[in-house]
Amino acid sequence: MDLGTDIIATIVVVVCVIPFILIAKGRKKREKKMLASLEEIANRDNCTINDYEINADFIIGIDHKQNQVFYYKNEEGVINEGSVNLSGIEKCKLATHSKTINGKNRKESIIKGLDLKFIPRYKQDPEVSFTVYDSDLKMQLTGELQLAKKWETLINKKLLQFN
């Protein structure tokens, strides 16, 4: 091969790789910003985030010592945040909102929304809900169902310590 072909091949490879590098940098920057926002919410309650998980547009975390769960979601500029003290919660459950569509030969169920609901111990306390997925804002599920099931299990195991 000659030098000209090597230069052109190198340029093509660099041009193909640059978008992936920029996407990864943007994702890391967004994740750092989301974690900082979640830590800020935790700091208001004098807590620290011990365990957390980030999805495309939200982050959920827990302080195992203080038994607090924290949530931060920024979707299309709308910020939704919250925290729940697990000592006042009876159980956590995954609420699935679905729509049934009749096809030619079968019925299909489409998930319209997913929420992590915190059921309080005392009926006078309000129920708290963290929205994990809303089909009106996002077209497709990208791991939200698995993440919500994982956190439902983790939180309910934590709640067993109080019962």
Protein backbone atom coordinates (compact mmCIF):
# COMPACT_ATOMS: atom_id res chain seq x y z
CA MET A 1 0.00 0.00 0.00
CA ASP A 2 1.07 3.53 -0.51
CA LEU A 3 1.08 6.44 1.91
CA GLY A 4 -2.02 8.11 0.41
CA THR A 5 -4.19 5.02 1.00
CA ASP A 6 -2.94 4.74 4.60
CA ILE A 7 -3.79 8.39 5.31
CA ILE A 8 -7.28 8.07 3.80
CA ALA A 9 -7.93 4.85 5.77
CA THR A 10 -6.79 6.53 9.00
CA ILE A 11 -9.04 9.55 8.36
CA VAL A 12 -12.04 7.29 7.66
CA VAL A 13 -11.47 5.31 10.87
CA VAL A 14 -11.12 8.51 12.94
CA VAL A 15 -14.28 10.01 11.41
CA CYS A 16 -16.21 6.80 12.20
CA VAL A 17 -14.95 6.58 15.81
CA ILE A 18 -15.41 10.24 16.84
CA PRO A 19 -19.24 10.11 17.12
CA PHE A 20 -19.02 7.15 19.51
CA ILE A 21 -16.48 8.97 21.67
CA LEU A 22 -18.64 12.11 21.77
CA ILE A 23 -21.76 10.09 22.68
CA ALA A 24 -19.91 8.31 25.51
CA LYS A 25 -18.55 11.63 26.83
CA GLY A 26 -22.03 13.18 26.74
CA ARG A 27 -23.52 10.20 28.57
CA LYS A 28 -20.85 10.34 31.30
CA LYS A 29 -21.39 14.08 31.73
CA ARG A 30 -25.18 13.61 32.00
CA GLU A 31 -24.73 10.74 34.50
CA LYS A 32 -22.41 12.85 36.67
CA LYS A 33 -24.94 15.68 36.65
CA MET A 34 -27.79 13.32 37.60
CA LEU A 35 -25.74 11.77 40.42
CA ALA A 36 -24.87 15.25 41.73
CA SER A 37 -28.59 16.15 41.71
CA LEU A 38 -29.47 12.95 43.58
CA GLU A 39 -26.72 13.58 46.14
CA GLU A 40 -28.07 17.12 46.62
CA ILE A 41 -31.53 15.69 47.40
CA ALA A 42 -29.96 13.24 49.86
CA ASN A 43 -27.91 15.98 51.53
CA ARG A 44 -31.12 17.89 52.33
CA ASP A 45 -32.11 14.94 54.56
CA ASN A 46 -28.56 14.51 55.93
CA CYS A 47 -28.15 11.27 53.99
CA THR A 48 -25.57 9.78 51.67
CA ILE A 49 -26.19 7.67 48.60
CA ASN A 50 -24.78 4.17 49.17
CA ASP A 51 -26.27 2.46 46.13
CA TYR A 52 -27.76 3.93 42.97
CA GLU A 53 -28.72 3.11 39.41
CA ILE A 54 -29.02 5.38 36.40
CA ASN A 55 -31.32 4.93 33.43
CA ALA A 56 -31.56 7.22 30.41
CA ASP A 57 -33.54 9.96 32.14
CA PHE A 58 -33.73 9.12 35.83
CA ILE A 59 -31.66 7.96 38.77
CA ILE A 60 -32.72 6.13 41.91
CA GLY A 61 -30.58 5.64 45.00
CA ILE A 62 -30.70 4.51 48.61
CA ASP A 63 -29.05 5.35 51.91
CA HIS A 64 -28.87 2.00 53.70
CA LYS A 65 -28.08 3.50 57.12
CA GLN A 66 -30.88 6.10 57.15
CA ASN A 67 -33.28 3.82 55.20
CA GLN A 68 -34.15 6.50 52.67
CA VAL A 69 -34.79 6.09 48.94
CA PHE A 70 -34.13 9.01 46.59
CA TYR A 71 -35.30 9.70 43.05
CA TYR A 72 -34.46 12.27 40.40
CA LYS A 73 -35.87 12.46 36.88
CA ASN A 74 -35.28 15.09 34.23
CA GLU A 75 -37.38 14.47 31.16
CA GLU A 76 -37.72 17.13 28.50
CA GLY A 77 -36.73 19.82 31.01
CA VAL A 78 -39.36 18.74 33.57
CA ILE A 79 -37.65 17.84 36.85
CA ASN A 80 -39.31 15.37 39.20
CA GLU A 81 -37.56 14.50 42.44
CA GLY A 82 -38.44 12.89 45.71
CA SER A 83 -37.42 10.88 48.72
CA VAL A 84 -39.08 8.27 50.87
CA ASN A 85 -38.27 7.27 54.43
CA LEU A 86 -38.71 3.50 54.47
CA SER A 87 -39.54 3.38 58.18
CA GLY A 88 -43.04 4.64 57.33
CA ILE A 89 -43.56 2.28 54.38
CA GLU A 90 -45.33 -1.08 54.47
CA LYS A 91 -44.27 -2.28 51.01
CA CYS A 92 -43.05 -1.20 47.61
CA LYS A 93 -44.75 -2.46 44.49
CA LEU A 94 -44.29 -2.05 40.79
CA ALA A 95 -47.42 -0.60 39.21
CA THR A 96 -47.78 -1.33 35.51
CA HIS A 97 -50.20 0.70 33.42
CA SER A 98 -51.06 -1.15 30.22
CA LYS A 99 -53.36 -0.97 27.25
CA THR A 100 -54.85 -3.99 25.51
CA ILE A 101 -55.00 -3.99 21.74
CA ASN A 102 -57.07 -6.52 19.82
CA GLY A 103 -55.21 -7.97 16.86
CA LYS A 104 -56.43 -10.34 14.17
CA ASN A 105 -55.72 -13.53 16.08
CA ARG A 106 -54.79 -12.37 19.57
CA LYS A 107 -54.86 -9.65 22.16
CA GLU A 108 -51.69 -7.75 22.92
CA SER A 109 -50.89 -5.78 26.02
CA ILE A 110 -48.74 -2.67 25.66
CA ILE A 111 -47.06 -1.06 28.66
CA LYS A 112 -48.11 2.58 28.90
CA GLY A 113 -46.37 3.37 32.19
CA LEU A 114 -44.38 2.01 35.12
CA ASP A 115 -44.32 3.39 38.66
CA LEU A 116 -42.62 2.34 41.86
CA LYS A 117 -45.33 2.82 44.48
CA PHE A 118 -44.58 3.09 48.17
CA ILE A 119 -47.54 1.92 50.25
CA PRO A 120 -47.53 3.64 53.68
CA ARG A 121 -47.93 1.75 56.98
CA TYR A 122 -50.63 4.12 58.14
CA LYS A 123 -53.63 4.89 55.95
CA GLN A 124 -53.58 8.62 56.76
CA ASP A 125 -50.11 8.96 55.18
CA PRO A 126 -50.01 9.65 51.43
CA GLU A 127 -48.86 7.04 48.94
CA VAL A 128 -45.63 8.03 47.18
CA SER A 129 -44.93 7.10 43.59
CA PHE A 130 -41.82 7.37 41.42
CA THR A 131 -42.49 7.32 37.67
CA VAL A 132 -40.06 4.99 35.94
CA TYR A 133 -41.59 5.01 32.44
CA ASP A 134 -44.31 6.95 30.64
CA SER A 135 -45.11 6.09 27.02
CA ASP A 136 -46.41 9.62 26.40
CA LEU A 137 -42.90 10.97 26.98
CA LYS A 138 -40.76 8.09 25.72
CA MET A 139 -41.56 5.77 22.83
CA GLN A 140 -39.78 2.61 23.90
CA LEU A 141 -38.78 0.81 27.08
CA THR A 142 -35.00 0.72 27.49
CA GLY A 143 -34.42 -1.39 30.59
CA GLU A 144 -36.88 0.45 32.84
CA LEU A 145 -38.91 -2.70 33.59
CA GLN A 146 -35.87 -4.69 34.73
CA LEU A 147 -34.56 -1.75 36.76
CA ALA A 148 -37.93 -1.22 38.46
CA LYS A 149 -38.25 -4.93 39.33
CA LYS A 150 -34.72 -4.94 40.74
CA TRP A 151 -35.42 -1.91 42.95
CA GLU A 152 -38.81 -3.24 44.03
CA THR A 153 -37.05 -6.40 45.25
CA LEU A 154 -34.20 -4.47 46.90
CA ILE A 155 -36.57 -2.10 48.71
CA ASN A 156 -38.91 -4.89 49.86
CA LYS A 157 -35.93 -6.84 51.27
CA LYS A 158 -34.94 -3.69 53.13
CA LEU A 159 -38.52 -3.31 54.43
CA LEU A 160 -38.40 -6.82 55.91
CA GLN A 161 -35.99 -5.44 58.52
CA PHE A 162 -38.81 -3.29 59.95
CA ASN A 163 -41.47 -6.04 60.10
